[in-house]
N, C-alpha and C. Protein backbone atom coordinates (compact mmCIF):
# COMPACT_ATOMS: atom_id res chain seq x y z
N MET A 1 10.60 -41.65 -3.13
CA MET A 1 9.20 -42.10 -3.21
C MET A 1 8.53 -41.88 -1.87
N ILE A 2 7.36 -41.28 -1.88
CA ILE A 2 6.60 -41.05 -0.66
C ILE A 2 5.36 -41.92 -0.69
N ARG A 3 5.23 -42.81 0.28
CA ARG A 3 4.05 -43.67 0.38
C ARG A 3 3.04 -43.01 1.29
N ILE A 4 1.83 -42.88 0.80
CA ILE A 4 0.80 -42.17 1.54
C ILE A 4 0.12 -43.15 2.49
N LEU A 5 0.56 -43.12 3.75
CA LEU A 5 0.05 -44.08 4.72
C LEU A 5 -0.32 -43.41 6.03
N SER A 6 0.51 -42.56 6.57
CA SER A 6 0.31 -42.09 7.93
C SER A 6 0.72 -40.63 8.07
N LEU A 7 0.00 -39.88 8.92
CA LEU A 7 0.31 -38.50 9.16
C LEU A 7 1.28 -38.33 10.32
N SER A 8 2.14 -39.26 10.57
CA SER A 8 3.06 -39.18 11.68
C SER A 8 3.93 -37.95 11.54
N VAL A 9 4.34 -37.41 12.70
CA VAL A 9 4.87 -36.06 12.76
C VAL A 9 6.07 -35.78 11.90
N VAL A 10 7.25 -36.32 12.18
CA VAL A 10 8.43 -35.91 11.43
C VAL A 10 8.79 -36.91 10.36
N ALA A 11 7.92 -37.85 10.09
CA ALA A 11 8.18 -38.80 9.01
C ALA A 11 8.12 -38.08 7.68
N LEU A 12 8.69 -38.70 6.66
CA LEU A 12 8.68 -38.10 5.34
C LEU A 12 7.46 -38.53 4.56
N VAL A 13 6.41 -38.89 5.29
CA VAL A 13 5.22 -39.37 4.61
C VAL A 13 4.00 -38.61 5.08
N ALA A 14 2.99 -38.54 4.20
CA ALA A 14 1.71 -38.01 4.57
C ALA A 14 0.71 -39.10 4.45
N CYS A 15 -0.40 -39.00 5.18
CA CYS A 15 -1.26 -40.14 5.21
C CYS A 15 -2.57 -39.93 4.50
N THR A 16 -3.06 -41.01 3.91
CA THR A 16 -4.43 -41.09 3.45
C THR A 16 -4.77 -42.52 3.18
N HIS A 17 -6.03 -42.84 3.43
CA HIS A 17 -6.54 -44.15 3.03
C HIS A 17 -7.42 -43.99 1.80
N ALA A 18 -7.38 -42.82 1.20
CA ALA A 18 -8.24 -42.55 0.07
C ALA A 18 -7.77 -43.30 -1.16
N THR A 19 -8.74 -43.85 -1.86
CA THR A 19 -8.42 -44.51 -3.11
C THR A 19 -9.23 -43.94 -4.26
N SER A 20 -10.15 -43.02 -3.94
CA SER A 20 -11.02 -42.47 -4.98
C SER A 20 -10.22 -41.56 -5.89
N GLU A 21 -10.57 -41.57 -7.18
CA GLU A 21 -9.99 -40.62 -8.11
C GLU A 21 -10.61 -39.25 -7.87
N PRO A 22 -9.88 -38.16 -8.16
CA PRO A 22 -10.47 -36.84 -8.00
C PRO A 22 -11.72 -36.70 -8.84
N PRO A 23 -12.76 -36.03 -8.29
CA PRO A 23 -14.01 -35.87 -9.02
C PRO A 23 -13.86 -34.94 -10.21
N PRO A 24 -14.92 -34.79 -11.01
CA PRO A 24 -14.83 -33.97 -12.22
C PRO A 24 -14.32 -32.57 -11.92
N THR A 25 -13.68 -31.98 -12.90
CA THR A 25 -13.01 -30.70 -12.72
C THR A 25 -13.99 -29.54 -12.82
N THR A 26 -13.82 -28.56 -11.94
CA THR A 26 -14.48 -27.28 -12.07
C THR A 26 -13.43 -26.23 -11.79
N ASP A 27 -13.73 -25.01 -12.16
CA ASP A 27 -12.81 -23.91 -11.89
C ASP A 27 -13.23 -23.22 -10.62
N PRO A 28 -12.44 -23.36 -9.50
CA PRO A 28 -12.86 -22.76 -8.24
C PRO A 28 -12.45 -21.31 -8.11
N GLY A 29 -11.83 -20.74 -9.14
CA GLY A 29 -11.26 -19.41 -9.00
C GLY A 29 -12.25 -18.36 -8.54
N SER A 30 -13.50 -18.44 -9.01
CA SER A 30 -14.50 -17.45 -8.65
C SER A 30 -15.47 -17.97 -7.61
N MET A 31 -15.20 -19.16 -7.08
CA MET A 31 -16.12 -19.76 -6.12
C MET A 31 -15.72 -19.35 -4.71
N VAL A 32 -16.36 -18.33 -4.16
CA VAL A 32 -16.08 -17.86 -2.82
C VAL A 32 -17.37 -17.91 -2.03
N ALA A 33 -17.27 -18.37 -0.78
CA ALA A 33 -18.47 -18.51 0.04
C ALA A 33 -19.12 -17.15 0.27
N GLU A 34 -20.45 -17.16 0.21
CA GLU A 34 -21.20 -15.95 0.49
C GLU A 34 -21.42 -15.87 2.00
N PRO A 35 -20.86 -14.83 2.69
CA PRO A 35 -21.06 -14.72 4.14
C PRO A 35 -22.54 -14.61 4.49
N VAL A 36 -22.96 -15.36 5.47
CA VAL A 36 -24.35 -15.35 5.93
C VAL A 36 -24.34 -15.13 7.43
N ALA A 37 -25.15 -14.18 7.88
CA ALA A 37 -25.20 -13.87 9.30
C ALA A 37 -25.84 -15.01 10.09
N GLY A 38 -25.47 -15.09 11.38
CA GLY A 38 -26.06 -16.08 12.26
C GLY A 38 -25.29 -17.37 12.28
N PRO A 39 -25.75 -18.31 13.11
CA PRO A 39 -25.06 -19.60 13.22
C PRO A 39 -25.18 -20.40 11.93
N PRO A 40 -24.22 -21.26 11.67
CA PRO A 40 -24.28 -22.05 10.44
C PRO A 40 -25.41 -23.07 10.48
N PRO A 41 -25.90 -23.50 9.34
CA PRO A 41 -26.92 -24.55 9.30
C PRO A 41 -26.36 -25.85 9.89
N THR A 42 -27.25 -26.70 10.33
CA THR A 42 -26.84 -28.00 10.89
C THR A 42 -27.39 -29.13 10.01
N PRO A 43 -26.64 -30.21 9.90
CA PRO A 43 -27.09 -31.32 9.03
C PRO A 43 -28.33 -32.01 9.59
N PHE A 44 -29.12 -32.55 8.69
CA PHE A 44 -30.22 -33.42 9.07
C PHE A 44 -30.29 -34.55 8.05
N GLU A 45 -30.96 -35.63 8.43
CA GLU A 45 -31.07 -36.79 7.53
C GLU A 45 -32.53 -37.19 7.40
N THR A 46 -32.94 -37.51 6.19
CA THR A 46 -34.31 -37.94 5.94
C THR A 46 -34.45 -39.44 6.19
N ASP A 47 -35.69 -39.90 6.20
CA ASP A 47 -35.94 -41.34 6.35
C ASP A 47 -35.36 -42.14 5.20
N GLU A 48 -35.16 -41.47 4.07
CA GLU A 48 -34.60 -42.14 2.90
C GLU A 48 -33.08 -42.20 2.93
N GLY A 49 -32.48 -41.59 3.97
CA GLY A 49 -31.03 -41.64 4.10
C GLY A 49 -30.29 -40.53 3.40
N LEU A 50 -31.00 -39.51 2.92
CA LEU A 50 -30.35 -38.36 2.29
C LEU A 50 -30.19 -37.25 3.32
N SER A 51 -29.19 -36.41 3.12
CA SER A 51 -28.87 -35.37 4.10
C SER A 51 -28.90 -33.99 3.48
N GLY A 52 -29.28 -33.02 4.30
CA GLY A 52 -29.26 -31.61 3.93
C GLY A 52 -28.98 -30.79 5.18
N TYR A 53 -29.42 -29.52 5.17
CA TYR A 53 -29.12 -28.63 6.29
C TYR A 53 -30.35 -27.80 6.67
N ARG A 54 -30.52 -27.57 7.99
CA ARG A 54 -31.57 -26.71 8.52
C ARG A 54 -30.93 -25.52 9.23
N ASP A 55 -31.65 -24.40 9.26
CA ASP A 55 -31.16 -23.25 10.02
C ASP A 55 -31.57 -23.38 11.48
N ALA A 56 -31.27 -22.36 12.27
CA ALA A 56 -31.53 -22.40 13.71
C ALA A 56 -33.02 -22.52 14.03
N GLU A 57 -33.88 -22.10 13.10
CA GLU A 57 -35.33 -22.19 13.30
C GLU A 57 -35.90 -23.52 12.81
N GLY A 58 -35.04 -24.37 12.29
CA GLY A 58 -35.50 -25.66 11.80
C GLY A 58 -35.94 -25.66 10.35
N GLU A 59 -35.80 -24.52 9.68
CA GLU A 59 -36.19 -24.44 8.28
C GLU A 59 -35.08 -25.05 7.40
N ILE A 60 -35.51 -25.78 6.36
CA ILE A 60 -34.54 -26.38 5.45
C ILE A 60 -33.96 -25.28 4.56
N VAL A 61 -32.63 -25.10 4.63
CA VAL A 61 -31.97 -24.08 3.82
C VAL A 61 -31.14 -24.70 2.70
N ILE A 62 -30.76 -25.96 2.86
CA ILE A 62 -30.09 -26.70 1.80
C ILE A 62 -30.80 -28.05 1.70
N PRO A 63 -31.47 -28.33 0.60
CA PRO A 63 -32.27 -29.55 0.48
C PRO A 63 -31.45 -30.81 0.70
N ALA A 64 -32.14 -31.87 1.11
CA ALA A 64 -31.49 -33.16 1.39
C ALA A 64 -31.24 -33.89 0.07
N THR A 65 -30.08 -33.61 -0.52
CA THR A 65 -29.71 -34.24 -1.78
C THR A 65 -28.38 -34.97 -1.68
N TYR A 66 -27.77 -34.98 -0.49
CA TYR A 66 -26.44 -35.56 -0.32
C TYR A 66 -26.51 -36.90 0.42
N SER A 67 -25.59 -37.78 0.11
CA SER A 67 -25.53 -39.04 0.85
C SER A 67 -24.91 -38.84 2.22
N ILE A 68 -24.02 -37.85 2.35
CA ILE A 68 -23.42 -37.49 3.63
C ILE A 68 -23.29 -35.98 3.68
N ALA A 69 -23.58 -35.38 4.83
CA ALA A 69 -23.40 -33.95 5.05
C ALA A 69 -22.71 -33.75 6.40
N MET A 70 -21.58 -33.09 6.38
CA MET A 70 -20.80 -32.87 7.59
C MET A 70 -21.10 -31.49 8.18
N PRO A 71 -20.84 -31.28 9.47
CA PRO A 71 -21.05 -29.96 10.08
C PRO A 71 -20.16 -28.90 9.42
N PHE A 72 -20.61 -27.66 9.50
CA PHE A 72 -19.85 -26.56 8.94
C PHE A 72 -18.61 -26.26 9.77
N THR A 73 -17.54 -25.91 9.05
CA THR A 73 -16.36 -25.30 9.64
C THR A 73 -16.29 -23.90 9.09
N GLY A 74 -16.63 -22.91 9.90
CA GLY A 74 -16.74 -21.55 9.40
C GLY A 74 -17.83 -21.46 8.37
N GLU A 75 -17.48 -21.04 7.15
CA GLU A 75 -18.45 -20.88 6.06
C GLU A 75 -18.49 -22.09 5.14
N VAL A 76 -17.81 -23.16 5.51
CA VAL A 76 -17.62 -24.29 4.59
C VAL A 76 -18.07 -25.60 5.22
N ALA A 77 -18.73 -26.44 4.42
CA ALA A 77 -19.09 -27.78 4.85
C ALA A 77 -18.72 -28.78 3.77
N ALA A 78 -18.36 -29.97 4.19
CA ALA A 78 -18.05 -31.05 3.25
C ALA A 78 -19.27 -31.93 3.09
N VAL A 79 -19.61 -32.25 1.83
CA VAL A 79 -20.74 -33.13 1.53
C VAL A 79 -20.33 -34.13 0.47
N ALA A 80 -21.00 -35.27 0.48
CA ALA A 80 -20.75 -36.30 -0.52
C ALA A 80 -22.02 -36.50 -1.33
N GLY A 81 -21.85 -36.54 -2.64
CA GLY A 81 -22.98 -36.74 -3.53
C GLY A 81 -22.52 -37.29 -4.85
N GLU A 82 -23.26 -36.97 -5.91
CA GLU A 82 -22.95 -37.50 -7.23
C GLU A 82 -21.56 -37.08 -7.71
N ALA A 83 -21.08 -35.90 -7.28
CA ALA A 83 -19.78 -35.39 -7.70
C ALA A 83 -18.67 -35.83 -6.76
N GLY A 84 -18.97 -36.77 -5.85
CA GLY A 84 -17.98 -37.17 -4.86
C GLY A 84 -18.00 -36.20 -3.69
N TRP A 85 -16.88 -36.11 -2.98
CA TRP A 85 -16.77 -35.20 -1.85
C TRP A 85 -16.45 -33.79 -2.35
N VAL A 86 -17.27 -32.82 -1.93
CA VAL A 86 -17.04 -31.43 -2.31
C VAL A 86 -17.25 -30.54 -1.09
N PHE A 87 -16.74 -29.31 -1.19
CA PHE A 87 -17.00 -28.30 -0.18
C PHE A 87 -18.05 -27.33 -0.71
N ILE A 88 -19.02 -26.97 0.15
CA ILE A 88 -20.08 -26.04 -0.21
C ILE A 88 -20.13 -24.90 0.80
N ASP A 89 -20.83 -23.81 0.42
CA ASP A 89 -21.05 -22.73 1.37
C ASP A 89 -22.43 -22.88 2.01
N ARG A 90 -22.83 -21.88 2.79
CA ARG A 90 -24.10 -21.98 3.53
C ARG A 90 -25.33 -21.98 2.64
N THR A 91 -25.17 -21.62 1.39
CA THR A 91 -26.30 -21.64 0.45
C THR A 91 -26.34 -22.93 -0.37
N GLY A 92 -25.32 -23.77 -0.19
CA GLY A 92 -25.24 -25.00 -0.96
C GLY A 92 -24.43 -24.87 -2.23
N LYS A 93 -23.82 -23.69 -2.46
CA LYS A 93 -23.02 -23.48 -3.67
C LYS A 93 -21.71 -24.25 -3.58
N LEU A 94 -21.35 -24.90 -4.69
CA LEU A 94 -20.08 -25.61 -4.76
C LEU A 94 -18.92 -24.63 -4.68
N LEU A 95 -17.96 -24.92 -3.80
CA LEU A 95 -16.76 -24.11 -3.68
C LEU A 95 -15.55 -24.80 -4.30
N ALA A 96 -15.40 -26.10 -4.05
CA ALA A 96 -14.24 -26.84 -4.58
C ALA A 96 -14.46 -28.32 -4.35
N HIS A 97 -13.74 -29.13 -5.10
CA HIS A 97 -13.73 -30.57 -4.87
C HIS A 97 -12.71 -30.90 -3.79
N ALA A 98 -13.11 -31.72 -2.84
CA ALA A 98 -12.24 -32.03 -1.70
C ALA A 98 -11.28 -33.17 -2.02
N PHE A 99 -10.09 -33.08 -1.45
CA PHE A 99 -9.19 -34.23 -1.44
C PHE A 99 -9.77 -35.27 -0.50
N VAL A 100 -9.86 -36.51 -0.96
CA VAL A 100 -10.47 -37.57 -0.16
C VAL A 100 -9.42 -38.17 0.77
N PHE A 101 -9.66 -38.04 2.06
CA PHE A 101 -8.74 -38.50 3.09
C PHE A 101 -9.51 -39.44 4.02
N ASP A 102 -8.99 -40.68 4.17
CA ASP A 102 -9.64 -41.62 5.08
C ASP A 102 -11.12 -41.80 4.75
N ASN A 103 -11.42 -41.90 3.44
CA ASN A 103 -12.79 -42.12 2.96
C ASN A 103 -13.72 -40.94 3.22
N GLY A 104 -13.16 -39.78 3.46
CA GLY A 104 -13.97 -38.58 3.64
C GLY A 104 -13.21 -37.36 3.15
N ALA A 105 -13.86 -36.21 3.20
CA ALA A 105 -13.19 -34.97 2.78
C ALA A 105 -12.07 -34.63 3.74
N ASP A 106 -11.00 -34.10 3.19
CA ASP A 106 -9.88 -33.66 4.02
C ASP A 106 -10.37 -32.69 5.08
N GLU A 107 -9.89 -32.86 6.31
CA GLU A 107 -10.31 -31.99 7.41
C GLU A 107 -9.47 -30.72 7.43
N PHE A 108 -10.02 -29.68 8.05
CA PHE A 108 -9.28 -28.43 8.18
C PHE A 108 -8.19 -28.57 9.24
N VAL A 109 -6.98 -28.23 8.84
CA VAL A 109 -5.83 -28.19 9.74
C VAL A 109 -5.21 -26.82 9.59
N GLU A 110 -5.09 -26.10 10.69
CA GLU A 110 -4.58 -24.73 10.65
C GLU A 110 -5.38 -23.89 9.65
N ASP A 111 -6.70 -24.09 9.67
CA ASP A 111 -7.67 -23.36 8.86
C ASP A 111 -7.51 -23.59 7.37
N ARG A 112 -6.94 -24.73 6.99
CA ARG A 112 -6.79 -25.06 5.58
C ARG A 112 -7.14 -26.53 5.35
N ALA A 113 -7.87 -26.81 4.27
CA ALA A 113 -8.18 -28.18 3.87
C ALA A 113 -7.80 -28.34 2.41
N ARG A 114 -7.34 -29.53 2.05
CA ARG A 114 -6.85 -29.74 0.69
C ARG A 114 -8.00 -29.93 -0.31
N ILE A 115 -7.80 -29.38 -1.50
CA ILE A 115 -8.75 -29.52 -2.59
C ILE A 115 -8.01 -30.06 -3.81
N VAL A 116 -8.79 -30.63 -4.75
CA VAL A 116 -8.21 -31.22 -5.95
C VAL A 116 -8.99 -30.74 -7.17
N GLU A 117 -8.29 -30.22 -8.14
CA GLU A 117 -8.89 -29.81 -9.40
C GLU A 117 -7.97 -30.26 -10.53
N ALA A 118 -8.50 -31.05 -11.44
CA ALA A 118 -7.71 -31.55 -12.58
C ALA A 118 -6.43 -32.22 -12.11
N GLU A 119 -6.54 -32.99 -11.01
CA GLU A 119 -5.43 -33.75 -10.44
C GLU A 119 -4.32 -32.86 -9.90
N LEU A 120 -4.63 -31.61 -9.65
CA LEU A 120 -3.70 -30.70 -8.99
C LEU A 120 -4.27 -30.30 -7.64
N TYR A 121 -3.38 -30.04 -6.68
CA TYR A 121 -3.79 -29.84 -5.30
C TYR A 121 -3.60 -28.40 -4.85
N GLY A 122 -4.52 -27.95 -4.01
CA GLY A 122 -4.43 -26.64 -3.37
C GLY A 122 -5.12 -26.70 -2.02
N PHE A 123 -5.51 -25.53 -1.49
CA PHE A 123 -6.14 -25.47 -0.18
C PHE A 123 -7.29 -24.47 -0.18
N ILE A 124 -8.34 -24.82 0.56
CA ILE A 124 -9.44 -23.90 0.81
C ILE A 124 -9.39 -23.48 2.27
N ALA A 125 -9.75 -22.22 2.55
CA ALA A 125 -9.83 -21.72 3.92
C ALA A 125 -11.26 -21.89 4.43
N SER A 126 -11.42 -21.84 5.74
CA SER A 126 -12.77 -22.01 6.30
C SER A 126 -13.68 -20.84 5.96
N SER A 127 -13.11 -19.74 5.46
CA SER A 127 -13.92 -18.62 4.99
C SER A 127 -14.56 -18.92 3.64
N GLY A 128 -14.08 -19.98 2.97
CA GLY A 128 -14.56 -20.32 1.64
C GLY A 128 -13.64 -19.83 0.55
N GLU A 129 -12.63 -19.05 0.91
CA GLU A 129 -11.66 -18.56 -0.07
C GLU A 129 -10.72 -19.68 -0.50
N ILE A 130 -10.41 -19.75 -1.79
CA ILE A 130 -9.39 -20.67 -2.26
C ILE A 130 -8.06 -20.02 -1.90
N ALA A 131 -7.47 -20.46 -0.79
CA ALA A 131 -6.28 -19.82 -0.24
C ALA A 131 -5.03 -20.15 -1.03
N VAL A 132 -4.94 -21.38 -1.51
CA VAL A 132 -3.80 -21.82 -2.32
C VAL A 132 -4.39 -22.45 -3.57
N ALA A 133 -4.15 -21.85 -4.71
CA ALA A 133 -4.72 -22.35 -5.96
C ALA A 133 -4.22 -23.76 -6.25
N PRO A 134 -5.07 -24.60 -6.84
CA PRO A 134 -4.66 -25.98 -7.16
C PRO A 134 -3.64 -26.00 -8.29
N THR A 135 -2.37 -25.91 -7.91
CA THR A 135 -1.29 -25.87 -8.90
C THR A 135 -0.20 -26.90 -8.61
N TRP A 136 -0.36 -27.69 -7.55
CA TRP A 136 0.69 -28.60 -7.11
C TRP A 136 0.33 -30.05 -7.41
N SER A 137 1.35 -30.86 -7.67
CA SER A 137 1.13 -32.28 -7.96
C SER A 137 0.65 -33.04 -6.73
N PHE A 138 1.00 -32.56 -5.54
CA PHE A 138 0.50 -33.11 -4.28
C PHE A 138 0.82 -32.11 -3.18
N ALA A 139 0.15 -32.25 -2.06
CA ALA A 139 0.39 -31.38 -0.91
C ALA A 139 0.09 -32.13 0.37
N LEU A 140 0.91 -31.90 1.39
CA LEU A 140 0.64 -32.40 2.73
C LEU A 140 -0.18 -31.37 3.50
N PRO A 141 -0.84 -31.75 4.58
CA PRO A 141 -1.58 -30.77 5.37
C PRO A 141 -0.62 -29.73 5.96
N PHE A 142 -1.17 -28.57 6.33
CA PHE A 142 -0.36 -27.56 6.99
C PHE A 142 0.07 -28.05 8.37
N SER A 143 1.27 -27.67 8.73
CA SER A 143 1.83 -28.03 10.03
C SER A 143 2.90 -27.00 10.36
N GLY A 144 2.77 -26.37 11.52
CA GLY A 144 3.74 -25.35 11.88
C GLY A 144 3.72 -24.15 10.98
N GLY A 145 2.56 -23.88 10.35
CA GLY A 145 2.42 -22.70 9.51
C GLY A 145 2.85 -22.88 8.08
N LEU A 146 3.32 -24.07 7.71
CA LEU A 146 3.76 -24.32 6.34
C LEU A 146 3.21 -25.66 5.87
N ALA A 147 3.08 -25.81 4.56
CA ALA A 147 2.65 -27.08 3.98
C ALA A 147 3.67 -27.52 2.95
N ALA A 148 4.06 -28.79 3.00
CA ALA A 148 4.96 -29.35 1.98
C ALA A 148 4.16 -29.60 0.71
N VAL A 149 4.70 -29.14 -0.42
CA VAL A 149 4.04 -29.30 -1.71
C VAL A 149 5.03 -29.87 -2.71
N CYS A 150 4.51 -30.62 -3.66
CA CYS A 150 5.36 -31.29 -4.64
C CYS A 150 5.01 -30.83 -6.04
N THR A 151 6.03 -30.66 -6.86
CA THR A 151 5.83 -30.39 -8.27
C THR A 151 6.48 -31.51 -9.08
N GLY A 152 5.72 -32.07 -9.99
CA GLY A 152 6.25 -33.12 -10.85
C GLY A 152 6.20 -34.51 -10.29
N CYS A 153 5.69 -34.69 -9.07
CA CYS A 153 5.58 -36.06 -8.54
C CYS A 153 4.36 -36.75 -9.16
N VAL A 154 4.39 -38.07 -9.18
CA VAL A 154 3.38 -38.86 -9.86
C VAL A 154 2.72 -39.81 -8.87
N ARG A 155 1.43 -39.92 -8.96
CA ARG A 155 0.66 -40.82 -8.09
C ARG A 155 0.68 -42.23 -8.66
N GLU A 156 1.07 -43.19 -7.83
CA GLU A 156 1.09 -44.59 -8.23
C GLU A 156 0.31 -45.43 -7.21
N ALA A 157 -0.56 -46.31 -7.72
CA ALA A 157 -1.36 -47.16 -6.83
C ALA A 157 -0.46 -48.11 -6.06
N ASP A 158 -0.82 -48.34 -4.79
CA ASP A 158 -0.07 -49.23 -3.91
C ASP A 158 -1.08 -49.96 -3.03
N GLY A 159 -1.78 -50.94 -3.61
CA GLY A 159 -2.84 -51.62 -2.87
C GLY A 159 -3.98 -50.66 -2.58
N GLU A 160 -4.38 -50.57 -1.30
CA GLU A 160 -5.46 -49.67 -0.91
C GLU A 160 -4.96 -48.23 -0.75
N HIS A 161 -3.67 -48.04 -0.84
CA HIS A 161 -3.09 -46.72 -0.68
C HIS A 161 -2.49 -46.27 -2.01
N PHE A 162 -1.73 -45.19 -1.98
CA PHE A 162 -0.98 -44.80 -3.15
C PHE A 162 0.31 -44.12 -2.72
N THR A 163 1.24 -44.05 -3.64
CA THR A 163 2.52 -43.40 -3.37
C THR A 163 2.71 -42.24 -4.32
N MET A 164 3.50 -41.26 -3.90
CA MET A 164 3.89 -40.15 -4.75
C MET A 164 5.37 -40.32 -5.05
N THR A 165 5.72 -40.48 -6.31
CA THR A 165 7.10 -40.74 -6.69
C THR A 165 7.63 -39.63 -7.59
N GLY A 166 8.95 -39.43 -7.54
CA GLY A 166 9.58 -38.44 -8.39
C GLY A 166 9.26 -37.02 -7.94
N GLY A 167 9.60 -36.07 -8.77
CA GLY A 167 9.31 -34.67 -8.49
C GLY A 167 10.20 -34.08 -7.41
N THR A 168 9.94 -32.83 -7.08
CA THR A 168 10.67 -32.13 -6.03
C THR A 168 9.68 -31.47 -5.08
N TRP A 169 10.11 -31.31 -3.83
CA TRP A 169 9.25 -30.80 -2.76
C TRP A 169 9.78 -29.48 -2.22
N GLY A 170 8.85 -28.61 -1.85
CA GLY A 170 9.16 -27.37 -1.16
C GLY A 170 8.04 -27.06 -0.19
N TYR A 171 7.93 -25.81 0.24
CA TYR A 171 6.93 -25.43 1.24
C TYR A 171 6.28 -24.11 0.89
N VAL A 172 4.97 -24.01 1.17
CA VAL A 172 4.21 -22.78 0.97
C VAL A 172 3.61 -22.34 2.29
N ASP A 173 3.31 -21.02 2.39
CA ASP A 173 2.63 -20.51 3.57
C ASP A 173 1.13 -20.55 3.35
N PRO A 174 0.32 -20.15 4.34
CA PRO A 174 -1.14 -20.26 4.20
C PRO A 174 -1.74 -19.47 3.04
N ALA A 175 -1.00 -18.49 2.52
CA ALA A 175 -1.48 -17.72 1.37
C ALA A 175 -1.02 -18.30 0.05
N GLY A 176 -0.24 -19.40 0.11
CA GLY A 176 0.23 -20.03 -1.11
C GLY A 176 1.56 -19.51 -1.59
N VAL A 177 2.18 -18.60 -0.82
CA VAL A 177 3.48 -18.07 -1.21
C VAL A 177 4.56 -19.12 -0.95
N VAL A 178 5.42 -19.35 -1.94
CA VAL A 178 6.50 -20.32 -1.78
C VAL A 178 7.53 -19.75 -0.82
N VAL A 179 7.68 -20.40 0.34
CA VAL A 179 8.62 -19.96 1.36
C VAL A 179 9.95 -20.68 1.21
N ILE A 180 9.89 -21.96 0.90
CA ILE A 180 11.09 -22.76 0.65
C ILE A 180 10.92 -23.39 -0.73
N PRO A 181 11.74 -22.99 -1.70
CA PRO A 181 11.57 -23.50 -3.07
C PRO A 181 11.66 -25.02 -3.13
N ALA A 182 10.99 -25.59 -4.14
CA ALA A 182 10.97 -27.05 -4.33
C ALA A 182 12.34 -27.52 -4.81
N ARG A 183 13.04 -28.20 -3.93
CA ARG A 183 14.36 -28.75 -4.27
C ARG A 183 14.64 -30.09 -3.62
N PHE A 184 13.71 -30.56 -2.77
CA PHE A 184 13.93 -31.78 -2.01
C PHE A 184 13.33 -32.99 -2.70
N GLU A 185 13.94 -34.15 -2.49
CA GLU A 185 13.41 -35.41 -3.02
C GLU A 185 12.23 -35.88 -2.18
N GLN A 186 12.24 -35.55 -0.91
CA GLN A 186 11.15 -35.86 0.01
C GLN A 186 11.07 -34.73 1.04
N ALA A 187 9.89 -34.54 1.62
CA ALA A 187 9.72 -33.49 2.62
C ALA A 187 8.60 -33.87 3.57
N GLY A 188 8.82 -33.64 4.85
CA GLY A 188 7.81 -33.96 5.86
C GLY A 188 7.27 -32.70 6.51
N PRO A 189 6.30 -32.84 7.41
CA PRO A 189 5.68 -31.68 8.07
C PRO A 189 6.61 -31.04 9.09
N PHE A 190 6.38 -29.76 9.35
CA PHE A 190 7.13 -29.07 10.39
C PHE A 190 6.52 -29.36 11.76
N VAL A 191 7.38 -29.71 12.70
CA VAL A 191 6.99 -29.94 14.09
C VAL A 191 8.03 -29.25 14.96
N ASP A 192 7.57 -28.32 15.79
CA ASP A 192 8.48 -27.55 16.64
C ASP A 192 9.57 -26.87 15.82
N GLY A 193 9.19 -26.38 14.65
CA GLY A 193 10.12 -25.63 13.83
C GLY A 193 11.12 -26.45 13.04
N ARG A 194 10.93 -27.76 12.99
CA ARG A 194 11.85 -28.63 12.27
C ARG A 194 11.07 -29.55 11.35
N ALA A 195 11.64 -29.83 10.17
CA ALA A 195 11.02 -30.77 9.23
C ALA A 195 12.10 -31.66 8.65
N ALA A 196 11.79 -32.93 8.48
CA ALA A 196 12.72 -33.88 7.89
C ALA A 196 12.60 -33.83 6.37
N VAL A 197 13.71 -33.73 5.68
CA VAL A 197 13.73 -33.69 4.22
C VAL A 197 14.83 -34.61 3.72
N ARG A 198 14.79 -34.85 2.42
CA ARG A 198 15.83 -35.65 1.77
C ARG A 198 16.30 -34.92 0.52
N GLU A 199 17.59 -34.74 0.40
CA GLU A 199 18.16 -34.05 -0.74
C GLU A 199 19.52 -34.67 -1.06
N GLY A 200 19.75 -34.95 -2.33
CA GLY A 200 21.02 -35.55 -2.73
C GLY A 200 21.28 -36.89 -2.09
N GLY A 201 20.17 -37.62 -1.83
CA GLY A 201 20.31 -38.94 -1.20
C GLY A 201 20.57 -38.90 0.28
N ARG A 202 20.52 -37.70 0.89
CA ARG A 202 20.82 -37.55 2.31
C ARG A 202 19.60 -37.01 3.04
N THR A 203 19.28 -37.59 4.21
CA THR A 203 18.15 -37.15 5.02
C THR A 203 18.65 -36.29 6.18
N PHE A 204 17.99 -35.13 6.37
CA PHE A 204 18.39 -34.22 7.45
C PHE A 204 17.18 -33.35 7.80
N GLU A 205 17.32 -32.47 8.76
CA GLU A 205 16.23 -31.59 9.18
C GLU A 205 16.56 -30.15 8.82
N ILE A 206 15.50 -29.41 8.48
CA ILE A 206 15.64 -28.00 8.16
C ILE A 206 14.75 -27.18 9.08
N GLY A 207 15.04 -25.86 9.16
CA GLY A 207 14.18 -24.91 9.85
C GLY A 207 13.21 -24.29 8.88
N THR A 208 12.37 -23.39 9.37
CA THR A 208 11.35 -22.80 8.51
C THR A 208 11.91 -21.85 7.46
N ASP A 209 13.24 -21.55 7.57
CA ASP A 209 13.89 -20.76 6.52
C ASP A 209 14.53 -21.63 5.45
N GLY A 210 14.42 -22.95 5.61
CA GLY A 210 14.98 -23.89 4.64
C GLY A 210 16.41 -24.27 4.91
N ALA A 211 17.04 -23.67 5.93
CA ALA A 211 18.43 -23.98 6.24
C ALA A 211 18.53 -25.28 7.03
N GLU A 212 19.60 -26.03 6.78
CA GLU A 212 19.83 -27.27 7.50
C GLU A 212 20.09 -27.00 8.97
N LEU A 213 19.52 -27.83 9.83
CA LEU A 213 19.69 -27.69 11.27
C LEU A 213 20.65 -28.75 11.79
N ALA A 214 21.31 -28.44 12.88
CA ALA A 214 22.19 -29.42 13.51
C ALA A 214 21.33 -30.53 14.10
N PRO A 215 21.83 -31.77 14.08
CA PRO A 215 21.06 -32.90 14.63
C PRO A 215 20.70 -32.67 16.09
């Protein structure tokens, strides 16, 4: 069982304070950010408390329809509105629904942020490309070039947090290629080339090739 509490380095847990259910499902497969020349738009807020984006000349390029609008990371920005937290491109087009982390959209780590579609997890790149399709039951942020992903684990409420129980864990690279097949009962992030895992009731560390390392 993995309790979602803290992003501590070699622990077998990933952190979130999110309690929101994933927002309505859309298909992000064809949703790719349209590259726009020049600096990204910057957020602004109206007297009514709604947020949108202006370009470098101060012109409104994305109307103020969001309750929260975050600065752009590359071609992608996180906004909160009627659909919950989502990622948009510079034109305001929806790219994907964001995984809610600490009451906000998941932040980019190693150029990847988690997304949720139909209760399955994947990753979006700052270019706006869906880098890892939402096919996993859960995923930890990227660390050391790999992300721990789970298949078959189940989300269970645990007060203000939640836990992921059951299933098996493995690791994918930034393109979504499975580098270490899902075989672990628990799996933590890679730090300095080592990750803590649990298999067969035993906890040990592995390298990025999945082989067990000496203590």
